[in-house]
Amino acid sequence: MTSPSSTTAARVRRQLPTSPWLFAAPGLLVVGIFILYPFVSTVVNAFTDRRTLIPGEFVGLANFRELLHDEMFWIGLRNSTLYVVGVVPALVLLPLLLALLVQKNIPGIAFFRSAFYTPVVASIVVVGLIWVWLLDERGLVNSLLEAIGVGRVGFLSDQWLLLGSAMAVTVWKGLGYYMIIYLAALANVPRELHEAAAVDGAGAVRRFLTVTVPAVRSTMVLVGALSSVAAFKVFSEVYLMAGPDGGPAGEDTTLVMLVQRTGTGLTGRVGYASAISVVVFVVTVALMLLVLRADRKEDA
């Protein structure tokens, strides 16, 4: 006769291959519904002339050929690229310097740790509106500039100043987030390395360049990749400061703003907006691959 224990063991062995999938099923279901299905749907729609209320038909590469002659697409690509160039270096270096500062045990540093991280937990809508009020023609910043005789500056009316102001908001809001990532990396840097460099006569700047930077280089690559993708897909900051039209004559429109403007509404061109979204996806993947490849070359 078969013992009860052997029967139970056999039943467990039969159930074991499917049990992990049962535990993973809820998470996989969420990923499939909210990530995989929208992604596949977007790629499929990019090759159709679908509109909001019209299913559309297959048009091949027509949407992508139209992109090549769309002036607003090139304006959005230019602004999104400039955003990466302007934001990423600041978000790679400044949070590291802040992390070095808040890592020190000096009086009052707890206040600054909280202050630097506060923008991270604040709503981007609230942050954007605050900065709009500050930089408005009659806002606090222009009032101060006028008081000292500089005159009012069109932070929100000039094409390039508006884009630069949005970049400043992105950097200001992201400093605390990336600072936390750097703090975790700095905690793993042996103190003996700094002490040895100090004994050899290295100053603070040289210790930073020869000890700190090499020790956290992999973290800098991670921050560069994350901030590059986020900067290229920027929407909220520019939308709130430039408005739905993308600033004067739409010159501050980014690619994601163009997707939102083109693909929404009762007459939205969903197929064309999907084609722009595919371009955004390809470029962001390319940015990450470039960063990772540069890191591998540095290792070699």
C-alpha atoms as a PDB file:
ATOM      1  CA  MET A   1       0.000   0.000   0.000  1.00  0.00           C
ATOM      2  CA  THR A   2       1.066   3.589  -0.653  1.00  0.00           C
ATOM      3  CA  SER A   3       1.730   5.581   2.487  1.00  0.00           C
ATOM      4  CA  PRO A   4      -0.082   8.921   3.019  1.00  0.00           C
ATOM      5  CA  SER A   5       3.243  10.799   3.050  1.00  0.00           C
ATOM      6  CA  SER A   6       4.279   9.453  -0.375  1.00  0.00           C
ATOM      7  CA  THR A   7       0.839  10.296  -1.769  1.00  0.00           C
ATOM      8  CA  THR A   8       1.142  13.886  -0.498  1.00  0.00           C
ATOM      9  CA  ALA A   9       4.663  14.192  -1.933  1.00  0.00           C
ATOM     10  CA  ALA A  10       3.491  12.958  -5.325  1.00  0.00           C
ATOM     11  CA  ARG A  11       0.602  15.440  -5.304  1.00  0.00           C
ATOM     12  CA  VAL A  12       2.962  18.308  -4.443  1.00  0.00           C
ATOM     13  CA  ARG A  13       5.326  17.308  -7.269  1.00  0.00           C
ATOM     14  CA  ARG A  14       2.441  17.328  -9.726  1.00  0.00           C
ATOM     15  CA  GLN A  15       1.281  20.764  -8.590  1.00  0.00           C
ATOM     16  CA  LEU A  16       4.728  22.343  -8.295  1.00  0.00           C
ATOM     17  CA  PRO A  17       5.237  23.300 -11.980  1.00  0.00           C
ATOM     18  CA  THR A  18       2.046  25.387 -12.066  1.00  0.00           C
ATOM     19  CA  SER A  19       2.135  26.841  -8.557  1.00  0.00           C
ATOM     20  CA  PRO A  20       4.655  29.650  -9.291  1.00  0.00           C
ATOM     21  CA  TRP A  21       2.540  30.818 -12.227  1.00  0.00           C
ATOM     22  CA  LEU A  22      -0.509  31.021  -9.982  1.00  0.00           C
ATOM     23  CA  PHE A  23       1.364  33.335  -7.615  1.00  0.00           C
ATOM     24  CA  ALA A  24       2.675  35.425 -10.517  1.00  0.00           C
ATOM     25  CA  ALA A  25      -0.653  35.555 -12.350  1.00  0.00           C
ATOM     26  CA  PRO A  26      -2.027  38.756 -10.716  1.00  0.00           C
ATOM     27  CA  GLY A  27       1.146  40.696 -11.473  1.00  0.00           C
ATOM     28  CA  LEU A  28       1.376  39.322 -14.999  1.00  0.00           C
ATOM     29  CA  LEU A  29      -2.261  40.216 -15.588  1.00  0.00           C
ATOM     30  CA  VAL A  30      -1.668  43.819 -14.547  1.00  0.00           C
ATOM     31  CA  VAL A  31       1.450  44.069 -16.723  1.00  0.00           C
ATOM     32  CA  GLY A  32      -0.376  42.554 -19.670  1.00  0.00           C
ATOM     33  CA  ILE A  33      -3.393  44.862 -19.408  1.00  0.00           C
ATOM     34  CA  PHE A  34      -1.672  48.143 -18.611  1.00  0.00           C
ATOM     35  CA  ILE A  35       1.739  47.761 -20.313  1.00  0.00           C
ATOM     36  CA  LEU A  36       1.955  45.031 -22.948  1.00  0.00           C
ATOM     37  CA  TYR A  37      -1.476  45.534 -24.518  1.00  0.00           C
ATOM     38  CA  PRO A  38      -1.141  49.360 -24.833  1.00  0.00           C
ATOM     39  CA  PHE A  39       2.368  48.935 -26.259  1.00  0.00           C
ATOM     40  CA  VAL A  40       1.297  46.405 -28.897  1.00  0.00           C
ATOM     41  CA  SER A  41      -1.814  48.453 -29.674  1.00  0.00           C
ATOM     42  CA  THR A  42       0.283  51.585 -30.190  1.00  0.00           C
ATOM     43  CA  VAL A  43       2.662  49.814 -32.560  1.00  0.00           C
ATOM     44  CA  VAL A  44      -0.245  48.390 -34.564  1.00  0.00           C
ATOM     45  CA  ASN A  45      -2.048  51.753 -34.705  1.00  0.00           C
ATOM     46  CA  ALA A  46       1.131  53.428 -35.982  1.00  0.00           C
ATOM     47  CA  PHE A  47       0.593  51.649 -39.297  1.00  0.00           C
ATOM     48  CA  THR A  48      -3.071  52.657 -39.621  1.00  0.00           C
ATOM     49  CA  ASP A  49      -5.033  55.869 -40.190  1.00  0.00           C
ATOM     50  CA  ARG A  50      -7.134  55.302 -37.089  1.00  0.00           C
ATOM     51  CA  ARG A  51      -8.936  58.229 -35.509  1.00  0.00           C
ATOM     52  CA  THR A  52     -10.687  58.533 -32.163  1.00  0.00           C
ATOM     53  CA  LEU A  53     -14.088  57.349 -33.385  1.00  0.00           C
ATOM     54  CA  ILE A  54     -12.963  55.593 -36.583  1.00  0.00           C
ATOM     55  CA  PRO A  55     -11.175  52.209 -36.502  1.00  0.00           C
ATOM     56  CA  GLY A  56      -9.031  53.086 -39.524  1.00  0.00           C
ATOM     57  CA  GLU A  57      -7.297  50.983 -42.141  1.00  0.00           C
ATOM     58  CA  PHE A  58      -3.765  49.758 -42.702  1.00  0.00           C
ATOM     59  CA  VAL A  59      -1.634  52.445 -44.419  1.00  0.00           C
ATOM     60  CA  GLY A  60       1.837  50.968 -44.061  1.00  0.00           C
ATOM     61  CA  LEU A  61       4.592  53.536 -43.516  1.00  0.00           C
ATOM     62  CA  ALA A  62       2.452  56.515 -44.535  1.00  0.00           C
ATOM     63  CA  ASN A  63       2.417  57.980 -41.017  1.00  0.00           C
ATOM     64  CA  PHE A  64       6.208  57.762 -40.736  1.00  0.00           C
ATOM     65  CA  ARG A  65       6.672  59.340 -44.169  1.00  0.00           C
ATOM     66  CA  GLU A  66       4.395  62.177 -43.088  1.00  0.00           C
ATOM     67  CA  LEU A  67       6.572  62.709 -40.016  1.00  0.00           C
ATOM     68  CA  LEU A  68       9.526  63.539 -42.263  1.00  0.00           C
ATOM     69  CA  HIS A  69       7.598  66.508 -43.695  1.00  0.00           C
ATOM     70  CA  ASP A  70       5.883  67.627 -40.475  1.00  0.00           C
ATOM     71  CA  GLU A  71       7.469  70.831 -39.191  1.00  0.00           C
ATOM     72  CA  MET A  72       5.980  70.380 -35.719  1.00  0.00           C
ATOM     73  CA  PHE A  73       7.546  66.919 -35.439  1.00  0.00           C
ATOM     74  CA  TRP A  74      11.004  68.355 -36.070  1.00  0.00           C
ATOM     75  CA  ILE A  75      10.355  71.174 -33.603  1.00  0.00           C
ATOM     76  CA  GLY A  76       9.310  68.607 -30.983  1.00  0.00           C
ATOM     77  CA  LEU A  77      12.353  66.444 -31.720  1.00  0.00           C
ATOM     78  CA  ARG A  78      14.624  69.467 -31.426  1.00  0.00           C
ATOM     79  CA  ASN A  79      13.144  70.572 -28.107  1.00  0.00           C
ATOM     80  CA  SER A  80      13.181  67.061 -26.623  1.00  0.00           C
ATOM     81  CA  THR A  81      16.824  66.629 -27.665  1.00  0.00           C
ATOM     82  CA  LEU A  82      17.785  70.019 -26.230  1.00  0.00           C
ATOM     83  CA  TYR A  83      16.021  69.031 -23.035  1.00  0.00           C
ATOM     84  CA  VAL A  84      18.233  65.959 -22.710  1.00  0.00           C
ATOM     85  CA  VAL A  85      21.374  68.007 -23.398  1.00  0.00           C
ATOM     86  CA  GLY A  86      20.414  70.680 -20.879  1.00  0.00           C
ATOM     87  CA  VAL A  87      19.024  68.531 -18.073  1.00  0.00           C
ATOM     88  CA  VAL A  88      21.047  65.311 -17.938  1.00  0.00           C
ATOM     89  CA  PRO A  89      24.509  66.746 -17.101  1.00  0.00           C
ATOM     90  CA  ALA A  90      23.010  68.764 -14.254  1.00  0.00           C
ATOM     91  CA  LEU A  91      21.081  65.773 -12.886  1.00  0.00           C
ATOM     92  CA  VAL A  92      24.198  63.598 -13.004  1.00  0.00           C
ATOM     93  CA  LEU A  93      26.558  66.011 -11.237  1.00  0.00           C
ATOM     94  CA  LEU A  94      24.497  68.243  -8.909  1.00  0.00           C
ATOM     95  CA  PRO A  95      22.774  65.426  -6.950  1.00  0.00           C
ATOM     96  CA  LEU A  96      26.189  63.871  -6.338  1.00  0.00           C
ATOM     97  CA  LEU A  97      27.466  67.125  -4.866  1.00  0.00           C
ATOM     98  CA  LEU A  98      24.323  67.399  -2.738  1.00  0.00           C
ATOM     99  CA  ALA A  99      24.762  63.823  -1.547  1.00  0.00           C
ATOM    100  CA  LEU A 100      28.341  64.598  -0.486  1.00  0.00           C
ATOM    101  CA  LEU A 101      27.025  67.615   1.411  1.00  0.00           C
ATOM    102  CA  VAL A 102      24.148  65.943   3.265  1.00  0.00           C
ATOM    103  CA  GLN A 103      26.334  62.939   4.054  1.00  0.00           C
ATOM    104  CA  LYS A 104      28.322  65.093   6.470  1.00  0.00           C
ATOM    105  CA  ASN A 105      27.226  65.352  10.094  1.00  0.00           C
ATOM    106  CA  ILE A 106      27.120  69.104  10.552  1.00  0.00           C
ATOM    107  CA  PRO A 107      24.635  71.190  12.569  1.00  0.00           C
ATOM    108  CA  GLY A 108      21.343  71.754  10.775  1.00  0.00           C
ATOM    109  CA  ILE A 109      22.000  69.239   8.005  1.00  0.00           C
ATOM    110  CA  ALA A 110      18.772  67.356   8.808  1.00  0.00           C
ATOM    111  CA  PHE A 111      16.783  70.411   7.711  1.00  0.00           C
ATOM    112  CA  PHE A 112      18.590  70.556   4.385  1.00  0.00           C
ATOM    113  CA  ARG A 113      18.096  66.822   3.807  1.00  0.00           C
ATOM    114  CA  SER A 114      14.355  67.319   4.131  1.00  0.00           C
ATOM    115  CA  ALA A 115      14.394  70.511   2.074  1.00  0.00           C
ATOM    116  CA  PHE A 116      16.263  68.928  -0.811  1.00  0.00           C
ATOM    117  CA  TYR A 117      13.872  65.966  -0.925  1.00  0.00           C
ATOM    118  CA  THR A 118      10.628  67.941  -0.536  1.00  0.00           C
ATOM    119  CA  PRO A 119      10.258  68.752  -4.284  1.00  0.00           C
ATOM    120  CA  VAL A 120      10.358  65.016  -5.062  1.00  0.00           C
ATOM    121  CA  VAL A 121       7.190  64.257  -3.100  1.00  0.00           C
ATOM    122  CA  ALA A 122       5.408  67.410  -4.266  1.00  0.00           C
ATOM    123  CA  SER A 123       2.923  67.116  -7.129  1.00  0.00           C
ATOM    124  CA  ILE A 124       4.374  68.184 -10.472  1.00  0.00           C
ATOM    125  CA  VAL A 125       1.203  70.200 -11.100  1.00  0.00           C
ATOM    126  CA  VAL A 126       1.683  72.128  -7.860  1.00  0.00           C
ATOM    127  CA  VAL A 127       5.381  72.618  -8.573  1.00  0.00           C
ATOM    128  CA  GLY A 128       4.674  73.804 -12.109  1.00  0.00           C
ATOM    129  CA  LEU A 129       2.038  76.304 -10.989  1.00  0.00           C
ATOM    130  CA  ILE A 130       4.324  77.685  -8.285  1.00  0.00           C
ATOM    131  CA  TRP A 131       7.086  78.274 -10.811  1.00  0.00           C
ATOM    132  CA  VAL A 132       4.641  79.842 -13.256  1.00  0.00           C
ATOM    133  CA  TRP A 133       3.598  82.307 -10.565  1.00  0.00           C
ATOM    134  CA  LEU A 134       7.237  83.023  -9.722  1.00  0.00           C
ATOM    135  CA  LEU A 135       8.348  83.567 -13.325  1.00  0.00           C
ATOM    136  CA  ASP A 136       5.245  85.329 -14.607  1.00  0.00           C
ATOM    137  CA  GLU A 137       5.685  88.824 -16.004  1.00  0.00           C
ATOM    138  CA  ARG A 138       4.221  90.191 -12.777  1.00  0.00           C
ATOM    139  CA  GLY A 139       5.632  87.419 -10.599  1.00  0.00           C
ATOM    140  CA  LEU A 140       8.071  87.576  -7.718  1.00  0.00           C
ATOM    141  CA  VAL A 141      11.241  87.068  -9.785  1.00  0.00           C
ATOM    142  CA  ASN A 142      10.415  89.841 -12.257  1.00  0.00           C
ATOM    143  CA  SER A 143       9.367  92.147  -9.429  1.00  0.00           C
ATOM    144  CA  LEU A 144      12.765  91.656  -7.795  1.00  0.00           C
ATOM    145  CA  LEU A 145      14.574  92.177 -11.096  1.00  0.00           C
ATOM    146  CA  GLU A 146      12.650  95.367 -11.693  1.00  0.00           C
ATOM    147  CA  ALA A 147      13.382  96.557  -8.164  1.00  0.00           C
ATOM    148  CA  ILE A 148      17.155  96.266  -8.714  1.00  0.00           C
ATOM    149  CA  GLY A 149      16.949  97.982 -12.096  1.00  0.00           C
ATOM    150  CA  VAL A 150      17.382  95.002 -14.406  1.00  0.00           C
ATOM    151  CA  GLY A 151      13.878  95.169 -15.823  1.00  0.00           C
ATOM    152  CA  ARG A 152      11.302  92.483 -16.457  1.00  0.00           C
ATOM    153  CA  VAL A 153      12.382  89.323 -18.287  1.00  0.00           C
ATOM    154  CA  GLY A 154      10.033  87.237 -20.451  1.00  0.00           C
ATOM    155  CA  PHE A 155      10.669  83.885 -18.821  1.00  0.00           C
ATOM    156  CA  LEU A 156       7.319  82.557 -20.058  1.00  0.00           C
ATOM    157  CA  SER A 157       7.024  84.530 -23.311  1.00  0.00           C
ATOM    158  CA  ASP A 158      10.444  84.035 -24.898  1.00  0.00           C
ATOM    159  CA  GLN A 159      10.927  80.739 -26.736  1.00  0.00           C
ATOM    160  CA  TRP A 160      14.356  79.840 -25.341  1.00  0.00           C
ATOM    161  CA  LEU A 161      13.879  81.331 -21.880  1.00  0.00           C
ATOM    162  CA  LEU A 162      10.682  79.334 -21.472  1.00  0.00           C
ATOM    163  CA  LEU A 163      12.429  76.096 -22.433  1.00  0.00           C
ATOM    164  CA  GLY A 164      15.308  76.921 -20.086  1.00  0.00           C
ATOM    165  CA  SER A 165      12.877  77.696 -17.269  1.00  0.00           C
ATOM    166  CA  ALA A 166      11.183  74.314 -17.751  1.00  0.00           C
ATOM    167  CA  MET A 167      14.616  72.653 -17.615  1.00  0.00           C
ATOM    168  CA  ALA A 168      15.354  74.439 -14.347  1.00  0.00           C
ATOM    169  CA  VAL A 169      12.099  73.108 -12.879  1.00  0.00           C
ATOM    170  CA  THR A 170      12.964  69.558 -13.968  1.00  0.00           C
ATOM    171  CA  VAL A 171      16.430  69.795 -12.414  1.00  0.00           C
ATOM    172  CA  TRP A 172      15.083  71.341  -9.208  1.00  0.00           C
ATOM    173  CA  LYS A 173      12.449  68.633  -8.811  1.00  0.00           C
ATOM    174  CA  GLY A 174      14.808  65.758  -9.629  1.00  0.00           C
ATOM    175  CA  LEU A 175      17.737  66.739  -7.409  1.00  0.00           C
ATOM    176  CA  GLY A 176      16.417  65.056  -4.274  1.00  0.00           C
ATOM    177  CA  TYR A 177      15.456  61.827  -6.027  1.00  0.00           C
ATOM    178  CA  TYR A 178      18.866  61.227  -7.554  1.00  0.00           C
ATOM    179  CA  MET A 179      20.541  62.465  -4.372  1.00  0.00           C
ATOM    180  CA  ILE A 180      19.043  59.489  -2.520  1.00  0.00           C
ATOM    181  CA  ILE A 181      20.450  57.117  -5.157  1.00  0.00           C
ATOM    182  CA  TYR A 182      23.903  58.644  -4.750  1.00  0.00           C
ATOM    183  CA  LEU A 183      23.690  58.463  -0.954  1.00  0.00           C
ATOM    184  CA  ALA A 184      23.174  54.708  -1.197  1.00  0.00           C
ATOM    185  CA  ALA A 185      26.228  54.429  -3.461  1.00  0.00           C
ATOM    186  CA  LEU A 186      28.410  56.658  -1.267  1.00  0.00           C
ATOM    187  CA  ALA A 187      27.597  54.525   1.761  1.00  0.00           C
ATOM    188  CA  ASN A 188      29.515  51.679   0.083  1.00  0.00           C
ATOM    189  CA  VAL A 189      32.681  53.717  -0.580  1.00  0.00           C
ATOM    190  CA  PRO A 190      35.357  52.669   1.960  1.00  0.00           C
ATOM    191  CA  ARG A 191      36.402  55.549   4.186  1.00  0.00           C
ATOM    192  CA  GLU A 192      39.952  54.191   4.084  1.00  0.00           C
ATOM    193  CA  LEU A 193      40.284  55.283   0.448  1.00  0.00           C
ATOM    194  CA  HIS A 194      39.627  58.926   1.359  1.00  0.00           C
ATOM    195  CA  GLU A 195      41.940  58.715   4.346  1.00  0.00           C
ATOM    196  CA  ALA A 196      44.720  57.226   2.227  1.00  0.00           C
ATOM    197  CA  ALA A 197      44.292  59.931  -0.412  1.00  0.00           C
ATOM    198  CA  ALA A 198      44.343  62.623   2.274  1.00  0.00           C
ATOM    199  CA  VAL A 199      47.580  61.179   3.715  1.00  0.00           C
ATOM    200  CA  ASP A 200      49.102  61.365   0.228  1.00  0.00           C
ATOM    201  CA  GLY A 201      48.301  65.074   0.181  1.00  0.00           C
ATOM    202  CA  ALA A 202      45.219  65.026  -2.062  1.00  0.00           C
ATOM    203  CA  GLY A 203      42.847  67.941  -1.522  1.00  0.00           C
ATOM    204  CA  ALA A 204      39.055  67.817  -1.496  1.00  0.00           C
ATOM    205  CA  VAL A 205      38.730  68.309  -5.264  1.00  0.00           C
ATOM    206  CA  ARG A 206      41.337  65.695  -6.086  1.00  0.00           C
ATOM    207  CA  ARG A 207      39.770  63.186  -3.689  1.00  0.00           C
ATOM    208  CA  PHE A 208      36.443  63.810  -5.373  1.00  0.00           C
ATOM    209  CA  LEU A 209      37.887  63.157  -8.834  1.00  0.00           C
ATOM    210  CA  THR A 210      40.151  60.221  -7.975  1.00  0.00           C
ATOM    211  CA  VAL A 211      38.200  58.443  -5.239  1.00  0.00           C
ATOM    212  CA  THR A 212      34.522  59.412  -5.220  1.00  0.00           C
ATOM    213  CA  VAL A 213      33.814  59.579  -8.953  1.00  0.00           C
ATOM    214  CA  PRO A 214      35.414  56.198  -9.810  1.00  0.00           C
ATOM    215  CA  ALA A 215      33.643  54.569  -6.855  1.00  0.00           C
ATOM    216  CA  VAL A 216      30.179  55.757  -7.933  1.00  0.00           C
ATOM    217  CA  ARG A 217      30.700  55.684 -11.702  1.00  0.00           C
ATOM    218  CA  SER A 218      28.224  52.848 -12.220  1.00  0.00           C
ATOM    219  CA  THR A 219      25.638  54.846 -10.275  1.00  0.00           C
ATOM    220  CA  MET A 220      26.368  57.894 -12.431  1.00  0.00           C
ATOM    221  CA  VAL A 221      25.674  55.748 -15.502  1.00  0.00           C
ATOM    222  CA  LEU A 222      22.368  54.631 -13.978  1.00  0.00           C
ATOM    223  CA  VAL A 223      21.382  58.216 -13.172  1.00  0.00           C
ATOM    224  CA  GLY A 224      22.384  59.288 -16.677  1.00  0.00           C
ATOM    225  CA  ALA A 225      20.226  56.595 -18.264  1.00  0.00           C
ATOM    226  CA  LEU A 226      17.191  57.314 -16.070  1.00  0.00           C
ATOM    227  CA  SER A 227      17.403  61.081 -16.449  1.00  0.00           C
ATOM    228  CA  SER A 228      17.955  60.826 -20.238  1.00  0.00           C
ATOM    229  CA  VAL A 229      14.785  58.817 -20.737  1.00  0.00           C
ATOM    230  CA  ALA A 230      12.781  61.063 -18.408  1.00  0.00           C
ATOM    231  CA  ALA A 231      14.097  64.241 -20.072  1.00  0.00           C
ATOM    232  CA  PHE A 232      13.331  63.067 -23.591  1.00  0.00           C
ATOM    233  CA  LYS A 233       9.776  62.162 -22.551  1.00  0.00           C
ATOM    234  CA  VAL A 234       9.201  65.465 -20.726  1.00  0.00           C
ATOM    235  CA  PHE A 235       5.615  66.677 -20.753  1.00  0.00           C
ATOM    236  CA  SER A 236       4.253  68.145 -17.530  1.00  0.00           C
ATOM    237  CA  GLU A 237       6.814  70.906 -16.944  1.00  0.00           C
ATOM    238  CA  VAL A 238       6.643  72.314 -20.467  1.00  0.00           C
ATOM    239  CA  TYR A 239       2.881  71.827 -20.696  1.00  0.00           C
ATOM    240  CA  LEU A 240       2.246  73.723 -17.468  1.00  0.00           C
ATOM    241  CA  MET A 241       4.634  76.565 -18.251  1.00  0.00           C
ATOM    242  CA  ALA A 242       4.062  76.897 -22.004  1.00  0.00           C
ATOM    243  CA  GLY A 243       0.402  75.934 -22.126  1.00  0.00           C
ATOM    244  CA  PRO A 244      -1.286  73.365 -24.383  1.00  0.00           C
ATOM    245  CA  ASP A 245      -0.129  75.228 -27.507  1.00  0.00           C
ATOM    246  CA  GLY A 246       3.540  74.820 -26.616  1.00  0.00           C
ATOM    247  CA  GLY A 247       4.496  78.443 -26.066  1.00  0.00           C
ATOM    248  CA  PRO A 248       4.761  81.190 -28.686  1.00  0.00           C
ATOM    249  CA  ALA A 249       3.731  79.733 -32.069  1.00  0.00           C
ATOM    250  CA  GLY A 250       4.180  76.258 -30.602  1.00  0.00           C
ATOM    251  CA  GLU A 251       7.975  76.624 -30.684  1.00  0.00           C
ATOM    252  CA  ASP A 252       8.398  74.954 -27.274  1.00  0.00           C
ATOM    253  CA  THR A 253       6.388  71.837 -28.112  1.00  0.00           C
ATOM    254  CA  THR A 254       8.013  68.533 -27.174  1.00  0.00           C
ATOM    255  CA  LEU A 255       7.368  65.174 -28.793  1.00  0.00           C
ATOM    256  CA  VAL A 256       5.158  63.911 -25.976  1.00  0.00           C
ATOM    257  CA  MET A 257       3.152  67.143 -26.073  1.00  0.00           C
ATOM    258  CA  LEU A 258       2.727  66.600 -29.813  1.00  0.00           C
ATOM    259  CA  VAL A 259       1.442  63.075 -29.153  1.00  0.00           C
ATOM    260  CA  GLN A 260      -1.093  64.428 -26.672  1.00  0.00           C
ATOM    261  CA  ARG A 261      -2.204  67.240 -28.954  1.00  0.00           C
ATOM    262  CA  THR A 262      -2.465  65.060 -32.068  1.00  0.00           C
ATOM    263  CA  GLY A 263      -4.053  61.946 -30.633  1.00  0.00           C
ATOM    264  CA  THR A 264      -6.712  63.327 -28.266  1.00  0.00           C
ATOM    265  CA  GLY A 265     -10.123  64.815 -28.840  1.00  0.00           C
ATOM    266  CA  LEU A 266     -13.044  63.639 -30.951  1.00  0.00           C
ATOM    267  CA  THR A 267     -11.056  64.142 -34.150  1.00  0.00           C
ATOM    268  CA  GLY A 268      -7.726  62.936 -32.775  1.00  0.00           C
ATOM    269  CA  ARG A 269      -5.394  61.216 -35.240  1.00  0.00           C
ATOM    270  CA  VAL A 270      -4.629  58.153 -33.138  1.00  0.00           C
ATOM    271  CA  GLY A 271      -2.620  56.453 -35.876  1.00  0.00           C
ATOM    272  CA  TYR A 272      -0.363  59.443 -36.462  1.00  0.00           C
ATOM    273  CA  ALA A 273       0.090  60.030 -32.718  1.00  0.00           C
ATOM    274  CA  SER A 274       1.004  56.340 -32.335  1.00  0.00           C
ATOM    275  CA  ALA A 275       3.698  56.752 -34.997  1.00  0.00           C
ATOM    276  CA  ILE A 276       5.204  59.623 -32.993  1.00  0.00           C
ATOM    277  CA  SER A 277       5.035  57.461 -29.869  1.00  0.00           C
ATOM    278  CA  VAL A 278       6.953  54.687 -31.636  1.00  0.00           C
ATOM    279  CA  VAL A 279       9.661  57.207 -32.547  1.00  0.00           C
ATOM    280  CA  VAL A 280       9.850  58.335 -28.912  1.00  0.00           C
ATOM    281  CA  PHE A 281      10.200  54.713 -27.790  1.00  0.00           C
ATOM    282  CA  VAL A 282      12.963  53.975 -30.312  1.00  0.00           C
ATOM    283  CA  VAL A 283      14.916  57.093 -29.348  1.00  0.00           C
ATOM    284  CA  THR A 284      14.671  56.415 -25.605  1.00  0.00           C
ATOM    285  CA  VAL A 285      15.869  52.832 -26.089  1.00  0.00           C
ATOM    286  CA  ALA A 286      18.731  54.165 -28.229  1.00  0.00           C
ATOM    287  CA  LEU A 287      19.660  56.645 -25.484  1.00  0.00           C
ATOM    288  CA  MET A 288      19.854  53.883 -22.894  1.00  0.00           C
ATOM    289  CA  LEU A 289      21.935  51.677 -25.193  1.00  0.00           C
ATOM    290  CA  LEU A 290      24.345  54.547 -25.889  1.00  0.00           C
ATOM    291  CA  VAL A 291      24.815  55.200 -22.176  1.00  0.00           C
ATOM    292  CA  LEU A 292      25.392  51.507 -21.444  1.00  0.00           C
ATOM    293  CA  ARG A 293      27.795  51.171 -24.355  1.00  0.00           C
ATOM    294  CA  ALA A 294      29.799  54.179 -23.167  1.00  0.00           C
ATOM    295  CA  ASP A 295      29.981  52.557 -19.728  1.00  0.00           C
ATOM    296  CA  ARG A 296      31.278  49.299 -21.213  1.00  0.00           C
ATOM    297  CA  LYS A 297      33.930  51.174 -23.194  1.00  0.00           C
ATOM    298  CA  GLU A 298      35.027  52.906 -19.993  1.00  0.00           C
ATOM    299  CA  ASP A 299      35.318  49.546 -18.249  1.00  0.00           C
ATOM    300  CA  ALA A 300      37.371  48.165 -21.120  1.00  0.00           C
END
